[in-house]
Structures are given as structure tokens and as C-alpha cells.
Amino acid sequence: MAGNLPEVTDTNFQAEVIENETAVLVDFWAPWCGPCRIIAPHLEELAGEREDLRIVKLNVDDNPQTAAKYNVMSIPTLLLFKNGQLAHQIIGALPKNRLVQEIEPALAA
């Protein structure tokens, strides 16, 4: 159901996201979430276009610890991590061009 994006879990979040040298955009989602399904193809396109950004998904139903740690209260929530730190947060489904506008400044910083 997660499409072509790699999944991360409570168990491997530290290694896959925090310790990753590349900037990582984490999509907090759930299979029952309509807006999550709407945004998924945009994220997959973006992942294929950008070498400076890794995009992964975290199912909030299966991984509640990480979602709670980052205060994810609604989904989809996208968290951008850069150098192991939370650099930007996007809540809700946005069109691809708006996603790019949101993450570009944080990636460039």
C-alpha cells in the first residue's frame, strides 16, 4: 500500500532518518487516510527527481512511538530532517509544486 517509497519504523527511524547524511522527508501516513493516498504519487515523483532528498514513509498505526515523539497529531504530516535535525514540517496534502516550494528553503539552508 505504501507504493514505491521505502518504509521506516519505530525500530529503524534513528538509523534511516536521523543518522542519514542525506536530507530525509518523512511522510507520516496511514492506509485509511484519503489525503495520504492523494499526496503519495506526488512524493513518489519527487523522490525520482531529486538526488539531494530521500523520501520515506512511516505508518502511524504501526509505529506510534515515532509519531508521538514528533507530535504528529494529523496526517498526512511531512517532516524534513537535515543533518539529524527537524528542519521543516508540512501538515496536510499539498500539490507537488507547493511541496517543492515548502521544502526548497529548508534544503538550501
N, C-alpha and C. Protein backbone atom coordinates (compact mmCIF):
# COMPACT_ATOMS: atom_id res chain seq x y z
N MET A 1 0.82 -1.21 0.00
CA MET A 1 0.00 0.00 0.00
C MET A 1 0.85 1.26 0.00
N ALA A 2 2.09 1.15 0.45
CA ALA A 2 2.93 2.34 0.58
C ALA A 2 3.53 2.78 -0.75
N GLY A 3 3.27 2.05 -1.81
CA GLY A 3 3.82 2.44 -3.11
C GLY A 3 5.29 2.09 -3.21
N ASN A 4 6.03 2.95 -3.91
CA ASN A 4 7.43 2.67 -4.17
C ASN A 4 8.39 3.30 -3.18
N LEU A 5 7.87 4.03 -2.21
CA LEU A 5 8.75 4.68 -1.24
C LEU A 5 9.12 3.71 -0.13
N PRO A 6 10.37 3.77 0.34
CA PRO A 6 10.76 2.88 1.44
C PRO A 6 10.02 3.22 2.72
N GLU A 7 9.74 2.20 3.51
CA GLU A 7 9.06 2.39 4.79
C GLU A 7 10.09 2.42 5.91
N VAL A 8 9.88 3.30 6.88
CA VAL A 8 10.69 3.29 8.09
C VAL A 8 9.77 2.95 9.26
N THR A 9 10.35 2.51 10.35
CA THR A 9 9.58 2.07 11.51
C THR A 9 10.14 2.73 12.78
N ASP A 10 9.44 2.51 13.88
CA ASP A 10 9.96 2.97 15.18
C ASP A 10 11.36 2.41 15.41
N THR A 11 11.56 1.17 14.99
CA THR A 11 12.82 0.47 15.24
C THR A 11 13.99 1.05 14.45
N ASN A 12 13.78 1.37 13.16
CA ASN A 12 14.91 1.81 12.34
C ASN A 12 14.92 3.31 12.04
N PHE A 13 14.03 4.08 12.65
CA PHE A 13 13.93 5.52 12.37
C PHE A 13 15.25 6.24 12.62
N GLN A 14 15.88 5.93 13.74
CA GLN A 14 17.15 6.58 14.09
C GLN A 14 18.19 6.38 12.99
N ALA A 15 18.37 5.14 12.58
CA ALA A 15 19.39 4.81 11.57
C ALA A 15 19.01 5.34 10.19
N GLU A 16 17.75 5.18 9.80
CA GLU A 16 17.33 5.53 8.44
C GLU A 16 17.11 7.02 8.22
N VAL A 17 16.75 7.75 9.27
CA VAL A 17 16.41 9.16 9.13
C VAL A 17 17.41 10.07 9.85
N ILE A 18 17.52 9.91 11.15
CA ILE A 18 18.34 10.81 11.96
C ILE A 18 19.81 10.71 11.60
N GLU A 19 20.31 9.50 11.39
CA GLU A 19 21.73 9.31 11.10
C GLU A 19 22.06 9.36 9.61
N ASN A 20 21.07 9.63 8.76
CA ASN A 20 21.29 9.67 7.32
C ASN A 20 21.99 10.97 6.94
N GLU A 21 22.99 10.88 6.08
CA GLU A 21 23.73 12.08 5.66
C GLU A 21 22.93 12.91 4.66
N THR A 22 22.02 12.28 3.95
CA THR A 22 21.15 12.98 3.01
C THR A 22 19.96 13.54 3.76
N ALA A 23 19.41 14.65 3.29
CA ALA A 23 18.17 15.16 3.88
C ALA A 23 17.07 14.13 3.65
N VAL A 24 16.20 13.94 4.65
CA VAL A 24 15.16 12.92 4.57
C VAL A 24 13.80 13.57 4.85
N LEU A 25 12.86 13.35 3.93
CA LEU A 25 11.49 13.79 4.12
C LEU A 25 10.67 12.57 4.53
N VAL A 26 10.07 12.64 5.72
CA VAL A 26 9.30 11.51 6.24
C VAL A 26 7.82 11.81 6.09
N ASP A 27 7.11 10.93 5.41
CA ASP A 27 5.67 11.03 5.23
C ASP A 27 5.00 10.18 6.31
N PHE A 28 4.39 10.84 7.30
CA PHE A 28 3.62 10.14 8.32
C PHE A 28 2.23 9.92 7.74
N TRP A 29 1.82 8.65 7.60
CA TRP A 29 0.60 8.31 6.87
C TRP A 29 -0.07 7.10 7.51
N ALA A 30 -1.24 6.74 6.97
CA ALA A 30 -1.94 5.51 7.33
C ALA A 30 -2.73 5.04 6.10
N PRO A 31 -2.93 3.74 5.97
CA PRO A 31 -3.63 3.21 4.79
C PRO A 31 -5.07 3.73 4.64
N TRP A 32 -5.73 4.07 5.73
CA TRP A 32 -7.12 4.52 5.68
C TRP A 32 -7.26 6.01 5.39
N CYS A 33 -6.15 6.73 5.29
CA CYS A 33 -6.15 8.18 5.14
C CYS A 33 -6.27 8.59 3.68
N GLY A 34 -7.39 9.19 3.30
CA GLY A 34 -7.62 9.64 1.93
C GLY A 34 -6.59 10.65 1.44
N PRO A 35 -6.37 11.74 2.19
CA PRO A 35 -5.36 12.72 1.75
C PRO A 35 -3.96 12.12 1.63
N CYS A 36 -3.66 11.10 2.45
CA CYS A 36 -2.36 10.43 2.35
C CYS A 36 -2.22 9.74 0.99
N ARG A 37 -3.31 9.14 0.52
CA ARG A 37 -3.29 8.47 -0.79
C ARG A 37 -3.17 9.50 -1.92
N ILE A 38 -3.74 10.69 -1.71
CA ILE A 38 -3.68 11.74 -2.73
C ILE A 38 -2.25 12.25 -2.89
N ILE A 39 -1.55 12.41 -1.77
CA ILE A 39 -0.20 13.00 -1.80
C ILE A 39 0.88 11.99 -2.22
N ALA A 40 0.61 10.70 -2.06
CA ALA A 40 1.61 9.66 -2.32
C ALA A 40 2.23 9.73 -3.72
N PRO A 41 1.44 9.87 -4.80
CA PRO A 41 2.07 9.94 -6.13
C PRO A 41 2.99 11.16 -6.30
N HIS A 42 2.65 12.28 -5.66
CA HIS A 42 3.50 13.47 -5.73
C HIS A 42 4.84 13.19 -5.06
N LEU A 43 4.79 12.51 -3.93
CA LEU A 43 6.02 12.19 -3.21
C LEU A 43 6.88 11.21 -4.00
N GLU A 44 6.24 10.24 -4.65
CA GLU A 44 6.99 9.28 -5.45
C GLU A 44 7.67 9.97 -6.63
N GLU A 45 6.95 10.91 -7.27
CA GLU A 45 7.55 11.68 -8.37
C GLU A 45 8.75 12.47 -7.88
N LEU A 46 8.55 13.15 -6.77
CA LEU A 46 9.60 13.98 -6.18
C LEU A 46 10.83 13.14 -5.84
N ALA A 47 10.60 11.95 -5.29
CA ALA A 47 11.70 11.06 -4.92
C ALA A 47 12.52 10.68 -6.15
N GLY A 48 11.85 10.48 -7.28
CA GLY A 48 12.53 10.12 -8.51
C GLY A 48 13.29 11.27 -9.14
N GLU A 49 12.92 12.48 -8.81
CA GLU A 49 13.53 13.66 -9.43
C GLU A 49 14.69 14.25 -8.64
N ARG A 50 14.77 13.98 -7.36
CA ARG A 50 15.75 14.66 -6.50
C ARG A 50 16.79 13.70 -5.96
N GLU A 51 18.04 14.05 -6.18
CA GLU A 51 19.12 13.25 -5.62
C GLU A 51 19.56 13.77 -4.26
N ASP A 52 19.14 15.01 -3.94
CA ASP A 52 19.54 15.63 -2.67
C ASP A 52 18.54 15.36 -1.55
N LEU A 53 17.55 14.51 -1.82
CA LEU A 53 16.49 14.27 -0.86
C LEU A 53 16.05 12.82 -0.89
N ARG A 54 15.97 12.21 0.27
CA ARG A 54 15.44 10.85 0.40
C ARG A 54 14.03 10.98 0.98
N ILE A 55 13.07 10.29 0.39
CA ILE A 55 11.69 10.34 0.89
C ILE A 55 11.30 8.95 1.37
N VAL A 56 10.80 8.89 2.60
CA VAL A 56 10.38 7.62 3.20
C VAL A 56 9.00 7.80 3.81
N LYS A 57 8.35 6.68 4.11
CA LYS A 57 7.02 6.70 4.72
C LYS A 57 7.05 6.00 6.07
N LEU A 58 6.24 6.51 7.01
CA LEU A 58 6.10 5.88 8.31
C LEU A 58 4.62 5.74 8.61
N ASN A 59 4.17 4.49 8.73
CA ASN A 59 2.76 4.20 9.01
C ASN A 59 2.51 4.48 10.49
N VAL A 60 1.68 5.49 10.78
CA VAL A 60 1.46 5.92 12.17
C VAL A 60 0.70 4.87 12.98
N ASP A 61 -0.10 4.05 12.33
CA ASP A 61 -0.83 2.99 13.05
C ASP A 61 0.13 1.92 13.56
N ASP A 62 1.14 1.60 12.76
CA ASP A 62 2.10 0.56 13.11
C ASP A 62 3.28 1.07 13.93
N ASN A 63 3.49 2.39 13.93
CA ASN A 63 4.67 2.99 14.57
C ASN A 63 4.29 4.21 15.40
N PRO A 64 3.52 4.01 16.46
CA PRO A 64 3.01 5.15 17.23
C PRO A 64 4.08 5.89 18.03
N GLN A 65 5.19 5.24 18.38
CA GLN A 65 6.21 5.90 19.21
C GLN A 65 6.84 7.08 18.48
N THR A 66 7.23 6.88 17.24
CA THR A 66 7.87 7.95 16.48
C THR A 66 6.88 9.07 16.20
N ALA A 67 5.65 8.72 15.85
CA ALA A 67 4.63 9.74 15.61
C ALA A 67 4.41 10.58 16.86
N ALA A 68 4.36 9.94 18.01
CA ALA A 68 4.16 10.66 19.27
C ALA A 68 5.37 11.53 19.60
N LYS A 69 6.56 11.01 19.35
CA LYS A 69 7.79 11.75 19.66
C LYS A 69 7.83 13.08 18.92
N TYR A 70 7.33 13.10 17.69
CA TYR A 70 7.35 14.32 16.88
C TYR A 70 6.00 15.03 16.85
N ASN A 71 5.13 14.69 17.79
CA ASN A 71 3.83 15.35 17.96
C ASN A 71 2.99 15.37 16.69
N VAL A 72 2.99 14.25 15.97
CA VAL A 72 2.17 14.14 14.77
C VAL A 72 0.73 13.88 15.22
N MET A 73 -0.11 14.90 15.05
CA MET A 73 -1.50 14.83 15.51
C MET A 73 -2.48 14.60 14.37
N SER A 74 -2.08 14.94 13.15
CA SER A 74 -2.95 14.71 11.99
C SER A 74 -2.07 14.25 10.84
N ILE A 75 -2.68 13.52 9.93
CA ILE A 75 -1.93 13.02 8.78
C ILE A 75 -2.65 13.41 7.50
N PRO A 76 -1.94 13.57 6.40
CA PRO A 76 -0.50 13.41 6.30
C PRO A 76 0.26 14.56 6.96
N THR A 77 1.34 14.21 7.62
CA THR A 77 2.32 15.18 8.11
C THR A 77 3.65 14.79 7.49
N LEU A 78 4.33 15.78 6.92
CA LEU A 78 5.65 15.56 6.34
C LEU A 78 6.67 16.28 7.19
N LEU A 79 7.68 15.56 7.64
CA LEU A 79 8.76 16.16 8.43
C LEU A 79 10.06 16.03 7.65
N LEU A 80 10.74 17.16 7.47
CA LEU A 80 12.01 17.17 6.76
C LEU A 80 13.14 17.21 7.79
N PHE A 81 14.00 16.21 7.72
CA PHE A 81 15.16 16.14 8.61
C PHE A 81 16.42 16.42 7.81
N LYS A 82 17.27 17.28 8.35
CA LYS A 82 18.52 17.63 7.70
C LYS A 82 19.60 17.61 8.77
N ASN A 83 20.67 16.86 8.52
CA ASN A 83 21.75 16.71 9.50
C ASN A 83 21.23 16.21 10.84
N GLY A 84 20.24 15.32 10.80
CA GLY A 84 19.71 14.71 12.01
C GLY A 84 18.74 15.59 12.79
N GLN A 85 18.45 16.78 12.27
CA GLN A 85 17.57 17.71 12.97
C GLN A 85 16.30 17.95 12.16
N LEU A 86 15.21 18.18 12.86
CA LEU A 86 13.96 18.54 12.19
C LEU A 86 14.13 19.92 11.59
N ALA A 87 14.00 20.04 10.27
CA ALA A 87 14.24 21.30 9.58
C ALA A 87 12.95 21.97 9.11
N HIS A 88 11.90 21.18 8.86
CA HIS A 88 10.64 21.76 8.36
C HIS A 88 9.51 20.77 8.55
N GLN A 89 8.29 21.31 8.69
CA GLN A 89 7.10 20.48 8.87
C GLN A 89 6.00 20.97 7.93
N ILE A 90 5.34 20.02 7.29
CA ILE A 90 4.20 20.32 6.41
C ILE A 90 3.05 19.44 6.89
N ILE A 91 1.90 20.05 7.15
CA ILE A 91 0.74 19.28 7.57
C ILE A 91 -0.33 19.40 6.49
N GLY A 92 -0.83 18.24 6.06
CA GLY A 92 -1.88 18.22 5.05
C GLY A 92 -1.33 17.89 3.67
N ALA A 93 -2.25 17.57 2.77
CA ALA A 93 -1.89 17.21 1.40
C ALA A 93 -1.76 18.48 0.56
N LEU A 94 -0.62 18.63 -0.08
CA LEU A 94 -0.38 19.77 -0.95
C LEU A 94 -0.05 19.26 -2.35
N PRO A 95 -0.34 20.09 -3.37
CA PRO A 95 0.09 19.71 -4.72
C PRO A 95 1.62 19.69 -4.78
N LYS A 96 2.15 18.98 -5.75
CA LYS A 96 3.59 18.80 -5.85
C LYS A 96 4.35 20.12 -5.89
N ASN A 97 3.87 21.09 -6.67
CA ASN A 97 4.60 22.36 -6.77
C ASN A 97 4.66 23.09 -5.42
N ARG A 98 3.62 22.97 -4.61
CA ARG A 98 3.61 23.58 -3.28
C ARG A 98 4.55 22.83 -2.34
N LEU A 99 4.62 21.52 -2.48
CA LEU A 99 5.56 20.75 -1.67
C LEU A 99 6.99 21.22 -1.93
N VAL A 100 7.33 21.39 -3.20
CA VAL A 100 8.66 21.84 -3.57
C VAL A 100 8.92 23.23 -2.99
N GLN A 101 7.94 24.13 -3.10
CA GLN A 101 8.08 25.48 -2.53
C GLN A 101 8.32 25.44 -1.03
N GLU A 102 7.68 24.49 -0.36
CA GLU A 102 7.81 24.38 1.09
C GLU A 102 9.18 23.85 1.51
N ILE A 103 9.70 22.84 0.78
CA ILE A 103 10.93 22.21 1.22
C ILE A 103 12.21 22.86 0.69
N GLU A 104 12.12 23.56 -0.44
CA GLU A 104 13.32 24.18 -1.04
C GLU A 104 14.11 25.05 -0.05
N PRO A 105 13.46 26.01 0.65
CA PRO A 105 14.23 26.87 1.56
C PRO A 105 14.94 26.08 2.65
N ALA A 106 14.29 25.06 3.18
CA ALA A 106 14.89 24.26 4.25
C ALA A 106 16.06 23.43 3.72
N LEU A 107 15.96 22.94 2.48
CA LEU A 107 17.05 22.18 1.88
C LEU A 107 18.25 23.09 1.58
N ALA A 108 17.96 24.31 1.18
CA ALA A 108 19.02 25.25 0.81
C ALA A 108 19.73 25.82 2.04
N ALA A 109 19.06 25.82 3.18
CA ALA A 109 19.64 26.44 4.39
C ALA A 109 20.85 25.69 4.89
